[in-house]
């Protein structure tokens, strides 16, 4: 019995010393392509001699990434408040939950500037004890 108690005491001491601290959890962000919703302003001359139409609109764009503080590719459609539509391609600068896009509208032959919101990256926590 004394031998069993001595063995148990050594095993408990060894396991307590080995246990130490649990590994700290690791948090990472997952960046994915995302949608952009926002307001658009087309500027410049569209090449026609007619009176300029309304250059303000609402746009939806597909961005190549939602990573903050990075440049993303952008392709989208715009509904202008005069009832016309635009189709554009260009680049966007993401910052937090917002994005600023500079694109070229091929349907209206005008550059455009857009400001809107994007989905923030997903946060994934791995490791550690629960």
N, C-alpha and C. Protein backbone atom coordinates (compact mmCIF):
# COMPACT_ATOMS: atom_id res chain seq x y z
N UNK A 1 0.82 -1.18 0.00
CA UNK A 1 0.00 0.00 0.00
C UNK A 1 0.88 1.26 0.00
N UNK A 2 1.99 1.22 0.78
CA UNK A 2 2.89 2.36 0.81
C UNK A 2 3.49 2.61 -0.56
N UNK A 3 3.81 1.51 -1.26
CA UNK A 3 4.38 1.65 -2.59
C UNK A 3 3.36 2.28 -3.55
N UNK A 4 2.10 1.89 -3.45
CA UNK A 4 1.04 2.45 -4.30
C UNK A 4 0.88 3.94 -4.04
N UNK A 5 0.86 4.32 -2.75
CA UNK A 5 0.71 5.74 -2.41
C UNK A 5 1.91 6.55 -2.89
N UNK A 6 3.09 6.01 -2.77
CA UNK A 6 4.28 6.71 -3.23
C UNK A 6 4.25 6.87 -4.75
N UNK A 7 3.85 5.82 -5.47
CA UNK A 7 3.76 5.89 -6.93
C UNK A 7 2.70 6.90 -7.35
N UNK A 8 1.57 6.90 -6.66
CA UNK A 8 0.49 7.84 -6.97
C UNK A 8 0.94 9.28 -6.72
N UNK A 9 1.66 9.51 -5.63
CA UNK A 9 2.15 10.86 -5.32
C UNK A 9 3.13 11.34 -6.37
N UNK A 10 4.03 10.46 -6.82
CA UNK A 10 4.99 10.84 -7.85
C UNK A 10 4.27 11.14 -9.16
N UNK A 11 3.27 10.33 -9.52
CA UNK A 11 2.53 10.52 -10.76
C UNK A 11 1.74 11.83 -10.74
N UNK A 12 1.12 12.14 -9.60
CA UNK A 12 0.37 13.38 -9.49
C UNK A 12 1.30 14.59 -9.55
N UNK A 13 2.42 14.51 -8.90
CA UNK A 13 3.38 15.61 -8.93
C UNK A 13 3.91 15.83 -10.34
N UNK A 14 4.24 14.75 -11.03
CA UNK A 14 4.77 14.85 -12.39
C UNK A 14 3.72 15.41 -13.35
N UNK A 15 2.47 14.95 -13.21
CA UNK A 15 1.44 15.43 -14.12
C UNK A 15 1.09 16.89 -13.84
N UNK A 16 1.14 17.31 -12.58
CA UNK A 16 0.86 18.71 -12.25
C UNK A 16 1.97 19.61 -12.79
N UNK A 17 3.20 19.15 -12.72
CA UNK A 17 4.31 19.95 -13.24
C UNK A 17 4.28 19.99 -14.76
N UNK A 18 3.83 18.94 -15.39
CA UNK A 18 3.79 18.87 -16.85
C UNK A 18 2.66 19.69 -17.43
N UNK A 19 1.53 19.79 -16.71
CA UNK A 19 0.33 20.43 -17.24
C UNK A 19 0.60 21.87 -17.67
N UNK A 20 1.21 22.67 -16.84
CA UNK A 20 1.53 24.04 -17.20
C UNK A 20 0.31 24.83 -17.64
N UNK A 21 0.52 25.88 -18.40
CA UNK A 21 -0.58 26.70 -18.91
C UNK A 21 -1.09 26.13 -20.22
N UNK A 22 -2.39 26.27 -20.42
CA UNK A 22 -3.00 25.85 -21.68
C UNK A 22 -2.52 26.80 -22.78
N UNK A 23 -2.38 26.31 -24.01
CA UNK A 23 -1.96 27.20 -25.09
C UNK A 23 -2.99 28.31 -25.31
N UNK A 24 -2.49 29.49 -25.61
CA UNK A 24 -3.37 30.64 -25.83
C UNK A 24 -4.10 30.48 -27.16
N UNK A 25 -5.39 30.87 -27.20
CA UNK A 25 -6.12 30.78 -28.46
C UNK A 25 -5.55 31.76 -29.50
N UNK A 26 -5.64 31.39 -30.75
CA UNK A 26 -5.17 32.22 -31.86
C UNK A 26 -6.37 32.74 -32.63
N UNK A 27 -6.41 34.05 -32.83
CA UNK A 27 -7.51 34.66 -33.58
C UNK A 27 -6.97 35.15 -34.92
N UNK A 28 -7.63 34.73 -35.98
CA UNK A 28 -7.25 35.17 -37.33
C UNK A 28 -8.49 35.68 -38.05
N UNK A 29 -8.26 36.49 -39.06
CA UNK A 29 -9.36 36.99 -39.90
C UNK A 29 -9.33 36.27 -41.23
N UNK A 30 -10.52 35.96 -41.74
CA UNK A 30 -10.65 35.28 -43.02
C UNK A 30 -11.19 36.30 -44.03
N UNK A 31 -10.42 36.53 -45.09
CA UNK A 31 -10.79 37.52 -46.10
C UNK A 31 -11.41 36.81 -47.30
N UNK A 32 -12.56 37.32 -47.73
CA UNK A 32 -13.29 36.74 -48.84
C UNK A 32 -13.71 37.83 -49.81
N UNK A 33 -14.03 37.46 -51.04
CA UNK A 33 -14.68 38.43 -51.93
C UNK A 33 -15.99 38.89 -51.29
N UNK A 34 -16.39 40.10 -51.59
CA UNK A 34 -17.57 40.65 -50.92
C UNK A 34 -18.33 41.59 -51.85
N UNK A 35 -19.52 41.96 -51.44
CA UNK A 35 -20.33 42.93 -52.18
C UNK A 35 -20.20 44.31 -51.54
N UNK A 36 -20.30 45.31 -52.35
CA UNK A 36 -20.22 46.72 -51.98
C UNK A 36 -21.57 47.34 -52.32
N UNK A 37 -22.14 48.09 -51.41
CA UNK A 37 -23.36 48.86 -51.66
C UNK A 37 -23.09 50.30 -51.30
N UNK A 38 -23.40 51.22 -52.21
CA UNK A 38 -23.13 52.61 -51.90
C UNK A 38 -23.59 53.57 -52.97
N UNK A 39 -23.23 54.82 -52.78
CA UNK A 39 -23.60 55.88 -53.71
C UNK A 39 -22.48 56.13 -54.71
N UNK A 40 -22.88 56.48 -55.92
CA UNK A 40 -21.94 56.65 -57.03
C UNK A 40 -22.14 58.01 -57.66
N UNK A 41 -21.03 58.61 -58.04
CA UNK A 41 -21.05 59.87 -58.77
C UNK A 41 -20.20 59.70 -60.03
N UNK A 42 -20.83 59.82 -61.19
CA UNK A 42 -20.11 59.78 -62.47
C UNK A 42 -19.71 61.21 -62.81
N UNK A 43 -18.48 61.38 -63.25
CA UNK A 43 -18.00 62.72 -63.56
C UNK A 43 -17.31 62.73 -64.91
N UNK A 44 -17.11 63.93 -65.42
CA UNK A 44 -16.50 64.07 -66.74
C UNK A 44 -17.56 64.12 -67.82
N UNK A 45 -17.13 64.40 -69.04
CA UNK A 45 -18.02 64.49 -70.19
C UNK A 45 -18.23 63.09 -70.76
N UNK A 46 -19.49 62.75 -71.02
CA UNK A 46 -19.78 61.42 -71.56
C UNK A 46 -19.62 61.37 -73.08
N UNK A 47 -19.14 62.43 -73.68
CA UNK A 47 -18.89 62.43 -75.11
C UNK A 47 -20.06 62.85 -75.97
N UNK A 48 -21.21 63.05 -75.38
CA UNK A 48 -22.38 63.46 -76.18
C UNK A 48 -22.55 64.97 -76.08
N UNK A 49 -23.24 65.54 -77.03
CA UNK A 49 -23.48 66.98 -77.03
C UNK A 49 -24.77 67.32 -76.31
N UNK A 50 -25.50 66.31 -75.87
CA UNK A 50 -26.77 66.55 -75.17
C UNK A 50 -26.48 67.10 -73.77
N UNK A 51 -27.53 67.66 -73.16
CA UNK A 51 -27.38 68.18 -71.80
C UNK A 51 -27.02 67.03 -70.87
N UNK A 52 -26.16 67.29 -69.90
CA UNK A 52 -25.74 66.21 -69.01
C UNK A 52 -26.91 65.66 -68.21
N UNK A 53 -26.92 64.35 -68.04
CA UNK A 53 -27.97 63.72 -67.26
C UNK A 53 -27.55 63.69 -65.80
N UNK A 54 -28.40 63.21 -64.96
CA UNK A 54 -28.10 63.11 -63.54
C UNK A 54 -26.92 62.15 -63.35
N UNK A 55 -25.87 62.60 -62.71
CA UNK A 55 -24.68 61.79 -62.52
C UNK A 55 -24.61 61.11 -61.17
N UNK A 56 -25.66 61.20 -60.37
CA UNK A 56 -25.68 60.54 -59.07
C UNK A 56 -26.49 59.25 -59.16
N UNK A 57 -26.04 58.23 -58.42
CA UNK A 57 -26.76 56.97 -58.46
C UNK A 57 -26.43 56.09 -57.28
N UNK A 58 -27.02 54.92 -57.31
CA UNK A 58 -26.80 53.90 -56.28
C UNK A 58 -26.14 52.70 -56.95
N UNK A 59 -25.04 52.23 -56.39
CA UNK A 59 -24.29 51.16 -57.04
C UNK A 59 -24.13 49.92 -56.19
N UNK A 60 -24.02 48.79 -56.85
CA UNK A 60 -23.66 47.53 -56.23
C UNK A 60 -22.45 47.01 -57.00
N UNK A 61 -21.43 46.61 -56.25
CA UNK A 61 -20.20 46.14 -56.86
C UNK A 61 -19.76 44.84 -56.20
N UNK A 62 -19.01 44.06 -56.94
CA UNK A 62 -18.41 42.83 -56.41
C UNK A 62 -16.92 43.11 -56.27
N UNK A 63 -16.40 43.03 -55.04
CA UNK A 63 -15.00 43.32 -54.77
C UNK A 63 -14.23 42.02 -54.58
N UNK A 64 -12.97 42.01 -54.99
CA UNK A 64 -12.16 40.80 -54.92
C UNK A 64 -11.79 40.39 -53.51
N UNK A 65 -11.82 41.32 -52.55
CA UNK A 65 -11.50 40.99 -51.16
C UNK A 65 -12.14 42.00 -50.22
N UNK A 66 -12.35 41.59 -48.97
CA UNK A 66 -12.83 42.51 -47.94
C UNK A 66 -11.74 42.80 -46.91
N UNK A 67 -10.50 42.56 -47.28
CA UNK A 67 -9.38 42.84 -46.39
C UNK A 67 -9.24 44.34 -46.18
N UNK A 68 -9.19 44.80 -44.90
CA UNK A 68 -9.08 46.23 -44.65
C UNK A 68 -7.74 46.79 -45.12
N UNK A 69 -7.74 48.06 -45.45
CA UNK A 69 -6.53 48.79 -45.84
C UNK A 69 -5.79 48.13 -46.99
N UNK A 70 -6.54 47.70 -47.98
CA UNK A 70 -5.94 47.08 -49.15
C UNK A 70 -6.72 47.49 -50.40
N UNK A 71 -6.08 47.31 -51.54
CA UNK A 71 -6.69 47.61 -52.83
C UNK A 71 -7.37 46.35 -53.36
N UNK A 72 -8.58 46.48 -53.85
CA UNK A 72 -9.35 45.35 -54.36
C UNK A 72 -9.84 45.65 -55.77
N UNK A 73 -9.99 44.62 -56.58
CA UNK A 73 -10.62 44.77 -57.88
C UNK A 73 -12.12 44.94 -57.70
N UNK A 74 -12.76 45.68 -58.60
CA UNK A 74 -14.20 45.95 -58.47
C UNK A 74 -14.88 45.88 -59.83
N UNK A 75 -16.06 45.27 -59.85
CA UNK A 75 -16.91 45.24 -61.04
C UNK A 75 -18.34 45.44 -60.54
N UNK A 76 -19.12 46.25 -61.26
CA UNK A 76 -20.44 46.54 -60.73
C UNK A 76 -21.44 47.13 -61.69
N UNK A 77 -22.61 47.38 -61.13
CA UNK A 77 -23.74 48.00 -61.84
C UNK A 77 -24.20 49.20 -61.03
N UNK A 78 -24.66 50.22 -61.75
CA UNK A 78 -25.14 51.44 -61.10
C UNK A 78 -26.51 51.80 -61.63
N UNK A 79 -27.41 52.15 -60.72
CA UNK A 79 -28.69 52.72 -61.10
C UNK A 79 -28.60 54.22 -60.83
N UNK A 80 -28.65 55.02 -61.90
CA UNK A 80 -28.61 56.46 -61.76
C UNK A 80 -30.01 56.98 -61.47
N UNK A 81 -30.06 58.07 -60.72
CA UNK A 81 -31.36 58.60 -60.29
C UNK A 81 -32.17 59.22 -61.44
N UNK A 82 -31.61 59.29 -62.65
CA UNK A 82 -32.38 59.73 -63.80
C UNK A 82 -33.05 58.55 -64.51
N UNK A 83 -32.89 57.34 -63.97
CA UNK A 83 -33.52 56.14 -64.54
C UNK A 83 -32.62 55.33 -65.44
N UNK A 84 -31.40 55.77 -65.70
CA UNK A 84 -30.49 55.01 -66.55
C UNK A 84 -29.62 54.08 -65.70
N UNK A 85 -28.94 53.17 -66.39
CA UNK A 85 -28.07 52.20 -65.73
C UNK A 85 -26.65 52.35 -66.24
N UNK A 86 -25.71 51.91 -65.42
CA UNK A 86 -24.30 51.92 -65.80
C UNK A 86 -23.66 50.59 -65.45
N UNK A 87 -22.56 50.27 -66.15
CA UNK A 87 -21.78 49.05 -65.88
C UNK A 87 -20.32 49.47 -65.80
N UNK A 88 -19.66 49.07 -64.73
CA UNK A 88 -18.33 49.61 -64.48
C UNK A 88 -17.34 48.54 -64.02
N UNK A 89 -16.07 48.89 -64.15
CA UNK A 89 -14.97 48.04 -63.69
C UNK A 89 -13.84 48.96 -63.22
N UNK A 90 -13.13 48.56 -62.17
CA UNK A 90 -12.05 49.39 -61.66
C UNK A 90 -11.45 48.83 -60.39
N UNK A 91 -11.11 49.71 -59.46
CA UNK A 91 -10.45 49.33 -58.21
C UNK A 91 -11.13 50.01 -57.03
N UNK A 92 -11.00 49.39 -55.86
CA UNK A 92 -11.57 49.94 -54.63
C UNK A 92 -10.54 49.87 -53.52
N UNK A 93 -10.57 50.85 -52.64
CA UNK A 93 -9.71 50.88 -51.47
C UNK A 93 -10.58 50.62 -50.25
N UNK A 94 -10.34 49.49 -49.59
CA UNK A 94 -11.14 49.10 -48.42
C UNK A 94 -10.53 49.71 -47.16
N UNK A 95 -11.43 50.13 -46.27
CA UNK A 95 -10.99 50.64 -44.97
C UNK A 95 -12.08 50.30 -43.96
N UNK A 96 -11.82 49.33 -43.09
CA UNK A 96 -12.81 48.91 -42.11
C UNK A 96 -14.03 48.33 -42.81
N UNK A 97 -15.20 48.87 -42.49
CA UNK A 97 -16.44 48.40 -43.10
C UNK A 97 -16.86 49.24 -44.29
N UNK A 98 -15.97 50.11 -44.76
CA UNK A 98 -16.27 50.97 -45.89
C UNK A 98 -15.28 50.80 -47.02
N UNK A 99 -15.65 51.34 -48.17
CA UNK A 99 -14.78 51.24 -49.33
C UNK A 99 -15.00 52.45 -50.23
N UNK A 100 -13.91 52.87 -50.88
CA UNK A 100 -13.95 53.95 -51.85
C UNK A 100 -13.51 53.36 -53.18
N UNK A 101 -14.38 53.42 -54.18
CA UNK A 101 -14.09 52.80 -55.47
C UNK A 101 -13.93 53.86 -56.56
N UNK A 102 -12.94 53.66 -57.41
CA UNK A 102 -12.74 54.49 -58.59
C UNK A 102 -12.83 53.54 -59.77
N UNK A 103 -13.88 53.70 -60.57
CA UNK A 103 -14.16 52.78 -61.66
C UNK A 103 -14.46 53.56 -62.94
N UNK A 104 -14.58 52.83 -64.04
CA UNK A 104 -14.95 53.44 -65.31
C UNK A 104 -16.25 52.80 -65.79
N UNK A 105 -17.26 53.65 -66.04
CA UNK A 105 -18.56 53.19 -66.49
C UNK A 105 -18.54 53.08 -68.01
N UNK A 106 -18.54 51.85 -68.51
CA UNK A 106 -18.49 51.62 -69.96
C UNK A 106 -19.83 51.90 -70.64
N UNK A 107 -20.92 51.83 -69.91
CA UNK A 107 -22.23 52.12 -70.50
C UNK A 107 -22.42 53.62 -70.75
N UNK A 108 -21.86 54.45 -69.89
CA UNK A 108 -21.99 55.91 -70.04
C UNK A 108 -20.69 56.57 -70.49
N UNK A 109 -19.63 55.82 -70.63
CA UNK A 109 -18.32 56.34 -71.03
C UNK A 109 -17.85 57.46 -70.11
N UNK A 110 -17.94 57.20 -68.79
CA UNK A 110 -17.52 58.19 -67.79
C UNK A 110 -16.82 57.48 -66.63
N UNK A 111 -15.81 58.15 -66.06
CA UNK A 111 -15.27 57.63 -64.81
C UNK A 111 -16.28 57.87 -63.69
N UNK A 112 -16.19 57.08 -62.64
CA UNK A 112 -17.09 57.28 -61.51
C UNK A 112 -16.38 57.02 -60.19
N UNK A 113 -16.88 57.67 -59.18
CA UNK A 113 -16.38 57.55 -57.83
C UNK A 113 -17.51 57.05 -56.95
N UNK A 114 -17.25 56.03 -56.14
CA UNK A 114 -18.29 55.44 -55.30
C UNK A 114 -17.81 55.34 -53.87
N UNK A 115 -18.73 55.53 -52.95
CA UNK A 115 -18.46 55.40 -51.52
C UNK A 115 -19.56 54.54 -50.93
N UNK A 116 -19.16 53.47 -50.23
CA UNK A 116 -20.17 52.58 -49.68
C UNK A 116 -19.62 51.64 -48.64
N UNK A 117 -20.45 50.70 -48.26
CA UNK A 117 -20.12 49.75 -47.22
C UNK A 117 -19.86 48.36 -47.76
N UNK A 118 -19.02 47.62 -47.03
CA UNK A 118 -18.72 46.23 -47.36
C UNK A 118 -18.84 45.39 -46.09
N UNK A 119 -18.91 44.09 -46.27
CA UNK A 119 -18.96 43.17 -45.14
C UNK A 119 -17.57 43.06 -44.53
N UNK A 120 -17.50 43.08 -43.20
CA UNK A 120 -16.21 42.95 -42.53
C UNK A 120 -15.75 41.49 -42.55
N UNK A 121 -14.42 41.27 -42.44
CA UNK A 121 -13.89 39.91 -42.46
C UNK A 121 -14.41 39.08 -41.28
N UNK A 122 -14.53 37.77 -41.50
CA UNK A 122 -14.90 36.85 -40.43
C UNK A 122 -13.71 36.65 -39.51
N UNK A 123 -13.96 36.53 -38.21
CA UNK A 123 -12.91 36.27 -37.24
C UNK A 123 -13.03 34.82 -36.78
N UNK A 124 -11.92 34.09 -36.85
CA UNK A 124 -11.90 32.68 -36.47
C UNK A 124 -10.90 32.51 -35.33
N UNK A 125 -11.35 31.86 -34.24
CA UNK A 125 -10.47 31.59 -33.10
C UNK A 125 -10.18 30.10 -33.05
N UNK A 126 -8.89 29.75 -32.99
CA UNK A 126 -8.48 28.35 -32.92
C UNK A 126 -7.53 28.17 -31.75
N UNK A 127 -7.43 26.92 -31.29
CA UNK A 127 -6.51 26.60 -30.20
C UNK A 127 -7.07 26.99 -28.86
N UNK A 128 -6.30 26.72 -27.81
CA UNK A 128 -6.72 27.05 -26.46
C UNK A 128 -7.75 26.09 -25.93
N UNK A 129 -8.14 26.24 -24.69
CA UNK A 129 -9.15 25.36 -24.10
C UNK A 129 -10.47 26.08 -24.03
N UNK A 130 -11.54 25.32 -24.12
CA UNK A 130 -12.88 25.91 -24.10
C UNK A 130 -13.48 25.83 -22.73
